[in-house]
């Protein structure tokens, strides 16, 4: 019962197991039974019988006192250990969240910025092509002839898949990184709010 207190370190689980082995009510019942037995011995037994019962009663009381103190102390230590373990578990969870956040930021700086630069290159090519298309289509309206109007690159690419105006390449939104420029809104607003200095 008291071996748990001899250990230099003990977990909440070990202390709960030790606490479960202490039945104070059962020990009190043993004292009550021996008290009744002593009363009977006083009435009908010899002095030797009385002393024998008293010796057993003294042992039962000592066991009860030890168990009561151990139970109280274990209850306190279990509560403290559970709190410490909960704090340690949260600290671990907290550090894991910080590590995940930092890893994600690293991906923004590497993967996102690399992807953004690729997309910005595509946007530049689409916008340049669309500019040429606009110029040629304008001439077609003036000249007439057998040539059909040319569709913009992004319109033709997404036509038949989506019909919403948001499929225009100009609707792309890219946030700035230290390695890539912003594109679209609200990215442009973010950059403008910091006078273009954020990614520098």
C-alpha atoms as a PDB file:
ATOM      1  CA  UNK A   1       0.000   0.000   0.000  1.00  0.00           C
ATOM      2  CA  UNK A   2       2.759   2.447   0.908  1.00  0.00           C
ATOM      3  CA  UNK A   3       5.392   1.183  -1.537  1.00  0.00           C
ATOM      4  CA  UNK A   4       4.348   3.870  -4.012  1.00  0.00           C
ATOM      5  CA  UNK A   5       5.757   6.563  -1.693  1.00  0.00           C
ATOM      6  CA  UNK A   6       9.191   4.937  -1.732  1.00  0.00           C
ATOM      7  CA  UNK A   7       9.572   5.552  -5.464  1.00  0.00           C
ATOM      8  CA  UNK A   8      11.592   8.618  -6.424  1.00  0.00           C
ATOM      9  CA  UNK A   9       9.249   9.355  -9.320  1.00  0.00           C
ATOM     10  CA  UNK A  10       5.730   8.159  -9.992  1.00  0.00           C
ATOM     11  CA  UNK A  11       3.245   8.801 -12.746  1.00  0.00           C
ATOM     12  CA  UNK A  12      -0.403   9.679 -12.297  1.00  0.00           C
ATOM     13  CA  UNK A  13      -1.281   6.236 -13.670  1.00  0.00           C
ATOM     14  CA  UNK A  14       0.878   4.469 -11.054  1.00  0.00           C
ATOM     15  CA  UNK A  15      -0.632   6.548  -8.266  1.00  0.00           C
ATOM     16  CA  UNK A  16      -4.179   5.920  -9.474  1.00  0.00           C
ATOM     17  CA  UNK A  17      -3.453   2.197  -9.406  1.00  0.00           C
ATOM     18  CA  UNK A  18      -2.100   2.461  -5.855  1.00  0.00           C
ATOM     19  CA  UNK A  19      -5.070   4.596  -4.769  1.00  0.00           C
ATOM     20  CA  UNK A  20      -7.499   2.042  -6.182  1.00  0.00           C
ATOM     21  CA  UNK A  21      -5.952  -0.543  -3.842  1.00  0.00           C
ATOM     22  CA  UNK A  22      -6.809   1.465  -0.730  1.00  0.00           C
ATOM     23  CA  UNK A  23     -10.277   0.760   0.659  1.00  0.00           C
ATOM     24  CA  UNK A  24     -10.708   2.981   3.711  1.00  0.00           C
ATOM     25  CA  UNK A  25     -14.320   1.897   4.225  1.00  0.00           C
ATOM     26  CA  UNK A  26     -13.285  -1.751   4.368  1.00  0.00           C
ATOM     27  CA  UNK A  27     -10.600  -0.971   6.945  1.00  0.00           C
ATOM     28  CA  UNK A  28     -13.117   0.995   9.023  1.00  0.00           C
ATOM     29  CA  UNK A  29     -15.398  -2.037   8.890  1.00  0.00           C
ATOM     30  CA  UNK A  30     -12.599  -4.200  10.301  1.00  0.00           C
ATOM     31  CA  UNK A  31     -12.163  -1.751  13.190  1.00  0.00           C
ATOM     32  CA  UNK A  32     -15.893  -1.795  13.892  1.00  0.00           C
ATOM     33  CA  UNK A  33     -15.920  -5.588  13.926  1.00  0.00           C
ATOM     34  CA  UNK A  34     -12.934  -5.770  16.310  1.00  0.00           C
ATOM     35  CA  UNK A  35     -14.498  -3.130  18.574  1.00  0.00           C
ATOM     36  CA  UNK A  36     -17.597  -5.304  18.881  1.00  0.00           C
ATOM     37  CA  UNK A  37     -15.394  -8.340  19.498  1.00  0.00           C
ATOM     38  CA  UNK A  38     -13.524  -6.479  22.281  1.00  0.00           C
ATOM     39  CA  UNK A  39     -16.832  -5.581  23.928  1.00  0.00           C
ATOM     40  CA  UNK A  40     -17.843  -9.248  23.827  1.00  0.00           C
ATOM     41  CA  UNK A  41     -14.433 -10.276  25.241  1.00  0.00           C
ATOM     42  CA  UNK A  42     -14.774  -7.757  28.071  1.00  0.00           C
ATOM     43  CA  UNK A  43     -18.091  -9.366  29.032  1.00  0.00           C
ATOM     44  CA  UNK A  44     -17.303 -13.038  28.550  1.00  0.00           C
ATOM     45  CA  UNK A  45     -13.590 -13.534  27.893  1.00  0.00           C
ATOM     46  CA  UNK A  46     -10.448 -13.667  29.961  1.00  0.00           C
ATOM     47  CA  UNK A  47      -7.890 -10.899  30.293  1.00  0.00           C
ATOM     48  CA  UNK A  48      -5.755 -12.734  27.748  1.00  0.00           C
ATOM     49  CA  UNK A  49      -8.692 -12.797  25.306  1.00  0.00           C
ATOM     50  CA  UNK A  50      -9.259  -9.047  25.791  1.00  0.00           C
ATOM     51  CA  UNK A  51      -5.591  -8.214  25.284  1.00  0.00           C
ATOM     52  CA  UNK A  52      -5.430 -10.340  22.138  1.00  0.00           C
ATOM     53  CA  UNK A  53      -8.430  -8.516  20.655  1.00  0.00           C
ATOM     54  CA  UNK A  54      -6.973  -5.159  21.689  1.00  0.00           C
ATOM     55  CA  UNK A  55      -3.692  -6.041  19.958  1.00  0.00           C
ATOM     56  CA  UNK A  56      -5.611  -6.846  16.763  1.00  0.00           C
ATOM     57  CA  UNK A  57      -7.647  -3.658  17.168  1.00  0.00           C
ATOM     58  CA  UNK A  58      -4.500  -1.549  17.569  1.00  0.00           C
ATOM     59  CA  UNK A  59      -3.041  -3.059  14.386  1.00  0.00           C
ATOM     60  CA  UNK A  60      -6.310  -2.398  12.531  1.00  0.00           C
ATOM     61  CA  UNK A  61      -6.373   1.219  13.722  1.00  0.00           C
ATOM     62  CA  UNK A  62      -2.752   1.735  12.649  1.00  0.00           C
ATOM     63  CA  UNK A  63      -3.497   0.219   9.245  1.00  0.00           C
ATOM     64  CA  UNK A  64      -6.566   2.450   8.952  1.00  0.00           C
ATOM     65  CA  UNK A  65      -4.603   5.582   9.906  1.00  0.00           C
ATOM     66  CA  UNK A  66      -1.852   4.791   7.395  1.00  0.00           C
ATOM     67  CA  UNK A  67      -4.410   4.079   4.691  1.00  0.00           C
ATOM     68  CA  UNK A  68      -6.339   7.300   5.377  1.00  0.00           C
ATOM     69  CA  UNK A  69      -3.204   9.446   5.241  1.00  0.00           C
ATOM     70  CA  UNK A  70      -1.966   7.607   2.123  1.00  0.00           C
ATOM     71  CA  UNK A  71      -5.328   8.037   0.386  1.00  0.00           C
ATOM     72  CA  UNK A  72      -5.414  11.780   1.126  1.00  0.00           C
ATOM     73  CA  UNK A  73      -1.829  12.248  -0.017  1.00  0.00           C
ATOM     74  CA  UNK A  74      -2.350  10.219  -3.180  1.00  0.00           C
ATOM     75  CA  UNK A  75      -5.459  12.208  -4.039  1.00  0.00           C
ATOM     76  CA  UNK A  76      -3.417  15.418  -3.802  1.00  0.00           C
ATOM     77  CA  UNK A  77      -0.452  14.028  -5.740  1.00  0.00           C
ATOM     78  CA  UNK A  78      -2.671  12.490  -8.434  1.00  0.00           C
ATOM     79  CA  UNK A  79      -4.362  15.844  -9.006  1.00  0.00           C
ATOM     80  CA  UNK A  80      -0.969  17.588  -9.216  1.00  0.00           C
ATOM     81  CA  UNK A  81       0.456  14.912 -11.541  1.00  0.00           C
ATOM     82  CA  UNK A  82      -2.575  15.006 -13.834  1.00  0.00           C
ATOM     83  CA  UNK A  83      -2.307  18.785 -14.051  1.00  0.00           C
ATOM     84  CA  UNK A  84       1.420  18.550 -14.836  1.00  0.00           C
ATOM     85  CA  UNK A  85       0.813  15.858 -17.456  1.00  0.00           C
ATOM     86  CA  UNK A  86      -1.976  17.918 -19.025  1.00  0.00           C
ATOM     87  CA  UNK A  87       0.315  20.962 -19.140  1.00  0.00           C
ATOM     88  CA  UNK A  88       3.100  18.875 -20.694  1.00  0.00           C
ATOM     89  CA  UNK A  89       0.692  17.430 -23.279  1.00  0.00           C
ATOM     90  CA  UNK A  90      -0.535  20.917 -24.188  1.00  0.00           C
ATOM     91  CA  UNK A  91       3.034  22.231 -24.383  1.00  0.00           C
ATOM     92  CA  UNK A  92       3.824  19.412 -26.824  1.00  0.00           C
ATOM     93  CA  UNK A  93       0.693  20.187 -28.845  1.00  0.00           C
ATOM     94  CA  UNK A  94       1.606  23.887 -28.813  1.00  0.00           C
ATOM     95  CA  UNK A  95       5.134  23.221 -30.072  1.00  0.00           C
ATOM     96  CA  UNK A  96       3.749  20.927 -32.789  1.00  0.00           C
ATOM     97  CA  UNK A  97       1.435  23.724 -33.935  1.00  0.00           C
ATOM     98  CA  UNK A  98       4.352  26.191 -34.024  1.00  0.00           C
ATOM     99  CA  UNK A  99       6.444  23.696 -36.008  1.00  0.00           C
ATOM    100  CA  UNK A 100       3.583  23.109 -38.466  1.00  0.00           C
ATOM    101  CA  UNK A 101       3.099  26.865 -38.829  1.00  0.00           C
ATOM    102  CA  UNK A 102       6.809  27.418 -39.502  1.00  0.00           C
ATOM    103  CA  UNK A 103       6.891  24.553 -42.027  1.00  0.00           C
ATOM    104  CA  UNK A 104       3.877  26.051 -43.817  1.00  0.00           C
ATOM    105  CA  UNK A 105       5.561  29.464 -43.910  1.00  0.00           C
ATOM    106  CA  UNK A 106       8.624  27.827 -45.421  1.00  0.00           C
ATOM    107  CA  UNK A 107       6.404  26.315 -48.127  1.00  0.00           C
ATOM    108  CA  UNK A 108       4.939  29.752 -48.854  1.00  0.00           C
ATOM    109  CA  UNK A 109       8.446  31.106 -49.318  1.00  0.00           C
ATOM    110  CA  UNK A 110       9.552  28.173 -51.473  1.00  0.00           C
ATOM    111  CA  UNK A 111       6.704  26.288 -53.170  1.00  0.00           C
ATOM    112  CA  UNK A 112       4.130  29.103 -53.278  1.00  0.00           C
ATOM    113  CA  UNK A 113       6.579  31.729 -54.533  1.00  0.00           C
ATOM    114  CA  UNK A 114       7.968  29.312 -57.138  1.00  0.00           C
ATOM    115  CA  UNK A 115       4.449  28.418 -58.285  1.00  0.00           C
ATOM    116  CA  UNK A 116       3.413  32.080 -58.233  1.00  0.00           C
ATOM    117  CA  UNK A 117       6.304  33.018 -60.491  1.00  0.00           C
ATOM    118  CA  UNK A 118       5.308  30.252 -62.919  1.00  0.00           C
ATOM    119  CA  UNK A 119       1.698  31.475 -62.893  1.00  0.00           C
ATOM    120  CA  UNK A 120       2.817  35.085 -63.324  1.00  0.00           C
ATOM    121  CA  UNK A 121       4.744  33.965 -66.415  1.00  0.00           C
ATOM    122  CA  UNK A 122       1.607  32.316 -67.792  1.00  0.00           C
ATOM    123  CA  UNK A 123      -0.456  35.428 -67.044  1.00  0.00           C
ATOM    124  CA  UNK A 124       2.092  37.600 -68.817  1.00  0.00           C
ATOM    125  CA  UNK A 125       1.960  35.341 -71.885  1.00  0.00           C
ATOM    126  CA  UNK A 126      -1.866  35.262 -71.894  1.00  0.00           C
ATOM    127  CA  UNK A 127      -2.158  39.013 -71.476  1.00  0.00           C
ATOM    128  CA  UNK A 128       0.381  39.614 -74.279  1.00  0.00           C
ATOM    129  CA  UNK A 129      -1.474  37.210 -76.579  1.00  0.00           C
ATOM    130  CA  UNK A 130      -4.848  38.761 -75.704  1.00  0.00           C
ATOM    131  CA  UNK A 131      -3.429  42.191 -76.455  1.00  0.00           C
ATOM    132  CA  UNK A 132      -2.415  41.009 -79.922  1.00  0.00           C
ATOM    133  CA  UNK A 133      -5.837  39.408 -80.402  1.00  0.00           C
ATOM    134  CA  UNK A 134      -7.569  42.655 -79.445  1.00  0.00           C
ATOM    135  CA  UNK A 135      -5.462  44.627 -81.888  1.00  0.00           C
ATOM    136  CA  UNK A 136      -6.112  42.186 -84.748  1.00  0.00           C
ATOM    137  CA  UNK A 137      -9.841  41.956 -84.000  1.00  0.00           C
ATOM    138  CA  UNK A 138     -10.033  45.756 -84.051  1.00  0.00           C
ATOM    139  CA  UNK A 139      -8.449  45.783 -87.507  1.00  0.00           C
ATOM    140  CA  UNK A 140     -10.885  43.057 -88.641  1.00  0.00           C
ATOM    141  CA  UNK A 141     -13.806  45.315 -87.757  1.00  0.00           C
ATOM    142  CA  UNK A 142     -12.349  48.037 -89.939  1.00  0.00           C
ATOM    143  CA  UNK A 143     -11.138  45.864 -92.815  1.00  0.00           C
ATOM    144  CA  UNK A 144     -13.811  43.172 -92.941  1.00  0.00           C
ATOM    145  CA  UNK A 145     -12.947  40.187 -95.085  1.00  0.00           C
ATOM    146  CA  UNK A 146     -12.875  36.422 -94.760  1.00  0.00           C
ATOM    147  CA  UNK A 147     -11.063  36.190 -91.453  1.00  0.00           C
ATOM    148  CA  UNK A 148     -13.063  35.187 -88.356  1.00  0.00           C
ATOM    149  CA  UNK A 149     -12.637  37.073 -85.108  1.00  0.00           C
ATOM    150  CA  UNK A 150     -10.056  35.524 -82.798  1.00  0.00           C
ATOM    151  CA  UNK A 151     -11.050  34.528 -79.269  1.00  0.00           C
ATOM    152  CA  UNK A 152      -8.860  35.463 -76.323  1.00  0.00           C
ATOM    153  CA  UNK A 153      -6.616  32.693 -75.024  1.00  0.00           C
ATOM    154  CA  UNK A 154      -8.261  32.370 -71.605  1.00  0.00           C
ATOM    155  CA  UNK A 155     -11.794  32.626 -73.052  1.00  0.00           C
ATOM    156  CA  UNK A 156     -11.140  29.858 -75.575  1.00  0.00           C
ATOM    157  CA  UNK A 157      -9.335  27.645 -73.059  1.00  0.00           C
ATOM    158  CA  UNK A 158     -12.076  27.660 -70.432  1.00  0.00           C
ATOM    159  CA  UNK A 159     -15.053  27.917 -72.788  1.00  0.00           C
ATOM    160  CA  UNK A 160     -17.122  24.756 -72.621  1.00  0.00           C
ATOM    161  CA  UNK A 161     -15.766  23.963 -69.165  1.00  0.00           C
ATOM    162  CA  UNK A 162     -16.940  27.107 -67.371  1.00  0.00           C
ATOM    163  CA  UNK A 163     -18.967  30.025 -68.599  1.00  0.00           C
ATOM    164  CA  UNK A 164     -18.548  32.446 -65.704  1.00  0.00           C
ATOM    165  CA  UNK A 165     -16.636  35.685 -66.240  1.00  0.00           C
ATOM    166  CA  UNK A 166     -14.407  34.815 -63.286  1.00  0.00           C
ATOM    167  CA  UNK A 167     -12.584  32.365 -65.534  1.00  0.00           C
ATOM    168  CA  UNK A 168     -10.783  35.315 -67.122  1.00  0.00           C
ATOM    169  CA  UNK A 169      -7.084  35.199 -66.321  1.00  0.00           C
ATOM    170  CA  UNK A 170      -7.319  38.735 -64.948  1.00  0.00           C
ATOM    171  CA  UNK A 171      -9.355  37.354 -62.062  1.00  0.00           C
ATOM    172  CA  UNK A 172      -6.294  35.539 -60.742  1.00  0.00           C
ATOM    173  CA  UNK A 173      -5.220  36.561 -57.242  1.00  0.00           C
ATOM    174  CA  UNK A 174      -1.723  35.964 -55.940  1.00  0.00           C
ATOM    175  CA  UNK A 175      -0.405  37.227 -52.627  1.00  0.00           C
ATOM    176  CA  UNK A 176       3.122  38.639 -52.534  1.00  0.00           C
ATOM    177  CA  UNK A 177       6.095  36.741 -51.087  1.00  0.00           C
ATOM    178  CA  UNK A 178       9.700  37.780 -50.704  1.00  0.00           C
ATOM    179  CA  UNK A 179      10.372  35.952 -53.955  1.00  0.00           C
ATOM    180  CA  UNK A 180       7.282  36.820 -56.015  1.00  0.00           C
ATOM    181  CA  UNK A 181       5.111  39.804 -56.849  1.00  0.00           C
ATOM    182  CA  UNK A 182       1.385  40.123 -56.079  1.00  0.00           C
ATOM    183  CA  UNK A 183      -1.267  39.935 -58.733  1.00  0.00           C
ATOM    184  CA  UNK A 184      -4.921  40.974 -58.668  1.00  0.00           C
ATOM    185  CA  UNK A 185      -7.051  42.025 -55.743  1.00  0.00           C
ATOM    186  CA  UNK A 186      -6.800  42.050 -52.785  1.00  0.00           C
ATOM    187  CA  UNK A 187      -3.106  41.365 -53.375  1.00  0.00           C
ATOM    188  CA  UNK A 188      -2.574  44.696 -55.113  1.00  0.00           C
ATOM    189  CA  UNK A 189      -4.279  46.535 -52.292  1.00  0.00           C
ATOM    190  CA  UNK A 190      -2.083  44.762 -49.753  1.00  0.00           C
ATOM    191  CA  UNK A 191       1.045  45.727 -51.630  1.00  0.00           C
ATOM    192  CA  UNK A 192      -0.120  49.301 -52.134  1.00  0.00           C
ATOM    193  CA  UNK A 193      -0.955  49.668 -48.419  1.00  0.00           C
ATOM    194  CA  UNK A 194       2.671  48.998 -47.607  1.00  0.00           C
ATOM    195  CA  UNK A 195       3.931  51.212 -50.433  1.00  0.00           C
ATOM    196  CA  UNK A 196       5.199  48.132 -52.251  1.00  0.00           C
ATOM    197  CA  UNK A 197       7.710  47.463 -49.469  1.00  0.00           C
ATOM    198  CA  UNK A 198       6.406  44.151 -48.074  1.00  0.00           C
ATOM    199  CA  UNK A 199       8.238  41.831 -50.444  1.00  0.00           C
ATOM    200  CA  UNK A 200      11.477  43.800 -50.383  1.00  0.00           C
END
